[in-house]
């Protein structure tokens, strides 16, 4: 199991970087994954538009599926 201590970039940097790229609001969610989690599969597996993500947090529950959309 991974945690934020395993991240290459610390949370404040990730939030700052994302804030510089896009307008932020209360509904924004920044998702991170373990380094190389997708590219270690053969062939590599990456999320595509049309895929969906469900976010679950212990004690808080989970979201409805969130669609992956292409960058604008």
N, C-alpha and C. Protein backbone atom coordinates (compact mmCIF):
# COMPACT_ATOMS: atom_id res chain seq x y z
N UNK A 1 0.85 -1.17 0.00
CA UNK A 1 0.00 0.00 0.00
C UNK A 1 0.90 1.23 0.00
N UNK A 2 0.60 2.18 -0.85
CA UNK A 2 1.38 3.41 -0.94
C UNK A 2 0.69 4.52 -0.17
N UNK A 3 1.47 5.55 0.20
CA UNK A 3 0.89 6.72 0.85
C UNK A 3 1.61 7.97 0.34
N UNK A 4 1.21 9.14 0.83
CA UNK A 4 1.78 10.40 0.32
C UNK A 4 3.28 10.50 0.56
N UNK A 5 3.82 9.76 1.53
CA UNK A 5 5.27 9.75 1.76
C UNK A 5 6.03 9.12 0.60
N UNK A 6 5.36 8.34 -0.24
CA UNK A 6 5.99 7.69 -1.39
C UNK A 6 5.97 8.56 -2.64
N UNK A 7 5.30 9.70 -2.58
CA UNK A 7 5.15 10.54 -3.77
C UNK A 7 6.47 11.18 -4.19
N UNK A 8 6.69 11.29 -5.49
CA UNK A 8 7.88 11.96 -6.02
C UNK A 8 7.78 13.46 -5.74
N UNK A 9 6.61 14.04 -5.98
CA UNK A 9 6.37 15.46 -5.73
C UNK A 9 5.43 15.57 -4.54
N UNK A 10 5.73 16.45 -3.60
CA UNK A 10 4.92 16.63 -2.40
C UNK A 10 3.57 17.29 -2.74
N UNK A 11 2.58 17.06 -1.89
CA UNK A 11 1.22 17.55 -2.12
C UNK A 11 1.18 19.06 -2.38
N UNK A 12 1.85 19.92 -1.58
CA UNK A 12 1.78 21.36 -1.87
C UNK A 12 2.27 21.71 -3.28
N UNK A 13 3.32 21.03 -3.75
CA UNK A 13 3.81 21.28 -5.11
C UNK A 13 2.77 20.86 -6.14
N UNK A 14 2.16 19.70 -5.96
CA UNK A 14 1.16 19.20 -6.92
C UNK A 14 -0.02 20.18 -7.00
N UNK A 15 -0.51 20.64 -5.85
CA UNK A 15 -1.64 21.57 -5.83
C UNK A 15 -1.24 22.88 -6.51
N UNK A 16 -0.06 23.39 -6.20
CA UNK A 16 0.41 24.64 -6.82
C UNK A 16 0.54 24.49 -8.33
N UNK A 17 1.12 23.38 -8.78
CA UNK A 17 1.31 23.13 -10.20
C UNK A 17 -0.04 23.05 -10.93
N UNK A 18 -0.97 22.29 -10.35
CA UNK A 18 -2.29 22.14 -10.98
C UNK A 18 -3.04 23.47 -10.98
N UNK A 19 -2.87 24.27 -9.94
CA UNK A 19 -3.54 25.57 -9.87
C UNK A 19 -3.03 26.51 -10.96
N UNK A 20 -1.77 26.34 -11.34
CA UNK A 20 -1.22 27.17 -12.41
C UNK A 20 -1.74 26.75 -13.78
N UNK A 21 -2.18 25.50 -13.90
CA UNK A 21 -2.64 24.97 -15.19
C UNK A 21 -4.12 25.16 -15.43
N UNK A 22 -4.91 25.17 -14.38
CA UNK A 22 -6.35 25.19 -14.54
C UNK A 22 -7.02 25.98 -13.44
N UNK A 23 -8.19 26.48 -13.71
CA UNK A 23 -8.96 27.20 -12.70
C UNK A 23 -9.45 26.20 -11.66
N UNK A 24 -9.35 26.54 -10.40
CA UNK A 24 -9.70 25.64 -9.33
C UNK A 24 -11.05 26.03 -8.72
N UNK A 25 -11.82 25.03 -8.31
CA UNK A 25 -13.04 25.28 -7.54
C UNK A 25 -13.24 24.16 -6.53
N UNK A 26 -14.25 24.26 -5.72
CA UNK A 26 -14.45 23.29 -4.64
C UNK A 26 -14.68 21.87 -5.13
N UNK A 27 -15.10 21.70 -6.35
CA UNK A 27 -15.40 20.36 -6.86
C UNK A 27 -14.18 19.68 -7.47
N UNK A 28 -13.06 20.38 -7.60
CA UNK A 28 -11.87 19.78 -8.21
C UNK A 28 -11.30 18.66 -7.35
N UNK A 29 -10.86 17.60 -8.00
CA UNK A 29 -10.18 16.50 -7.33
C UNK A 29 -8.88 16.25 -8.09
N UNK A 30 -7.77 16.18 -7.38
CA UNK A 30 -6.48 15.86 -8.01
C UNK A 30 -6.16 14.42 -7.63
N UNK A 31 -6.07 13.56 -8.62
CA UNK A 31 -5.76 12.15 -8.38
C UNK A 31 -4.30 11.88 -8.68
N UNK A 32 -3.67 11.11 -7.84
CA UNK A 32 -2.29 10.69 -8.07
C UNK A 32 -2.24 9.17 -7.97
N UNK A 33 -1.22 8.58 -8.56
CA UNK A 33 -1.06 7.13 -8.50
C UNK A 33 0.38 6.80 -8.13
N UNK A 34 0.61 5.56 -7.81
CA UNK A 34 1.98 5.13 -7.53
C UNK A 34 2.84 5.36 -8.76
N UNK A 35 4.10 5.81 -8.57
CA UNK A 35 4.98 5.99 -9.73
C UNK A 35 5.08 4.69 -10.54
N UNK A 36 4.99 4.83 -11.82
CA UNK A 36 5.11 3.73 -12.78
C UNK A 36 4.00 2.69 -12.68
N UNK A 37 2.91 3.01 -11.97
CA UNK A 37 1.83 2.03 -11.81
C UNK A 37 1.28 1.59 -13.16
N UNK A 38 1.14 2.53 -14.11
CA UNK A 38 0.55 2.15 -15.39
C UNK A 38 1.55 1.61 -16.39
N UNK A 39 2.77 2.11 -16.34
CA UNK A 39 3.73 1.73 -17.37
C UNK A 39 4.42 0.41 -17.09
N UNK A 40 4.23 -0.17 -15.91
CA UNK A 40 4.84 -1.47 -15.64
C UNK A 40 4.02 -2.61 -16.23
N UNK A 41 2.79 -2.33 -16.65
CA UNK A 41 1.99 -3.34 -17.34
C UNK A 41 2.55 -3.53 -18.75
N UNK A 42 2.41 -4.72 -19.27
CA UNK A 42 2.84 -4.98 -20.64
C UNK A 42 1.61 -5.43 -21.43
N UNK A 43 1.15 -4.64 -22.41
CA UNK A 43 1.60 -3.29 -22.76
C UNK A 43 1.16 -2.28 -21.70
N UNK A 44 1.76 -1.05 -21.70
CA UNK A 44 1.38 -0.04 -20.72
C UNK A 44 -0.12 0.26 -20.77
N UNK A 45 -0.71 0.56 -19.62
CA UNK A 45 -2.14 0.85 -19.53
C UNK A 45 -2.31 2.29 -19.04
N UNK A 46 -3.01 3.10 -19.81
CA UNK A 46 -3.27 4.47 -19.44
C UNK A 46 -4.76 4.73 -19.53
N UNK A 47 -5.26 5.65 -18.73
CA UNK A 47 -6.68 6.00 -18.80
C UNK A 47 -6.94 6.74 -20.10
N UNK A 48 -8.13 6.52 -20.64
CA UNK A 48 -8.54 7.13 -21.90
C UNK A 48 -9.87 7.83 -21.72
N UNK A 49 -10.17 8.84 -22.56
CA UNK A 49 -11.51 9.43 -22.52
C UNK A 49 -12.56 8.32 -22.67
N UNK A 50 -13.59 8.39 -21.85
CA UNK A 50 -14.61 7.35 -21.84
C UNK A 50 -14.46 6.40 -20.66
N UNK A 51 -13.23 6.28 -20.10
CA UNK A 51 -13.04 5.51 -18.88
C UNK A 51 -13.69 6.29 -17.73
N UNK A 52 -13.85 5.66 -16.59
CA UNK A 52 -14.37 6.38 -15.44
C UNK A 52 -13.59 5.99 -14.19
N UNK A 53 -13.68 6.86 -13.18
CA UNK A 53 -12.96 6.67 -11.92
C UNK A 53 -13.97 6.80 -10.79
N UNK A 54 -13.87 5.93 -9.81
CA UNK A 54 -14.65 6.07 -8.59
C UNK A 54 -13.66 6.28 -7.45
N UNK A 55 -13.88 7.32 -6.67
CA UNK A 55 -12.97 7.65 -5.57
C UNK A 55 -13.62 7.18 -4.27
N UNK A 56 -12.88 6.40 -3.48
CA UNK A 56 -13.38 5.92 -2.20
C UNK A 56 -12.40 6.29 -1.10
N UNK A 57 -12.94 6.79 0.01
CA UNK A 57 -12.11 7.13 1.16
C UNK A 57 -12.73 6.55 2.41
N UNK A 58 -11.90 5.84 3.18
CA UNK A 58 -12.40 5.25 4.42
C UNK A 58 -13.04 6.32 5.29
N UNK A 59 -14.23 6.03 5.78
CA UNK A 59 -14.93 6.95 6.66
C UNK A 59 -15.73 8.02 5.95
N UNK A 60 -15.51 8.20 4.63
CA UNK A 60 -16.23 9.22 3.88
C UNK A 60 -17.16 8.63 2.82
N UNK A 61 -16.91 7.40 2.40
CA UNK A 61 -17.72 6.80 1.34
C UNK A 61 -17.05 6.93 -0.01
N UNK A 62 -17.86 6.89 -1.06
CA UNK A 62 -17.29 6.96 -2.41
C UNK A 62 -18.14 7.82 -3.32
N UNK A 63 -17.52 8.27 -4.41
CA UNK A 63 -18.21 9.10 -5.39
C UNK A 63 -18.95 8.23 -6.39
N UNK A 64 -19.81 8.85 -7.14
CA UNK A 64 -20.36 8.22 -8.33
C UNK A 64 -19.22 8.12 -9.34
N UNK A 65 -19.30 7.25 -10.34
CA UNK A 65 -18.23 7.20 -11.34
C UNK A 65 -18.02 8.57 -12.01
N UNK A 66 -16.77 8.98 -12.11
CA UNK A 66 -16.40 10.26 -12.72
C UNK A 66 -15.79 9.96 -14.08
N UNK A 67 -16.35 10.52 -15.17
CA UNK A 67 -15.82 10.22 -16.50
C UNK A 67 -14.47 10.89 -16.73
N UNK A 68 -13.59 10.21 -17.45
CA UNK A 68 -12.32 10.78 -17.88
C UNK A 68 -12.57 11.53 -19.18
N UNK A 69 -12.14 12.78 -19.25
CA UNK A 69 -12.33 13.57 -20.47
C UNK A 69 -10.98 13.97 -21.02
N UNK A 70 -10.94 14.26 -22.31
CA UNK A 70 -9.69 14.69 -22.95
C UNK A 70 -9.35 16.10 -22.52
N UNK A 71 -8.05 16.39 -22.45
CA UNK A 71 -7.61 17.75 -22.14
C UNK A 71 -8.08 18.70 -23.22
N UNK A 72 -8.39 19.92 -22.83
CA UNK A 72 -8.81 20.92 -23.79
C UNK A 72 -7.63 21.70 -24.29
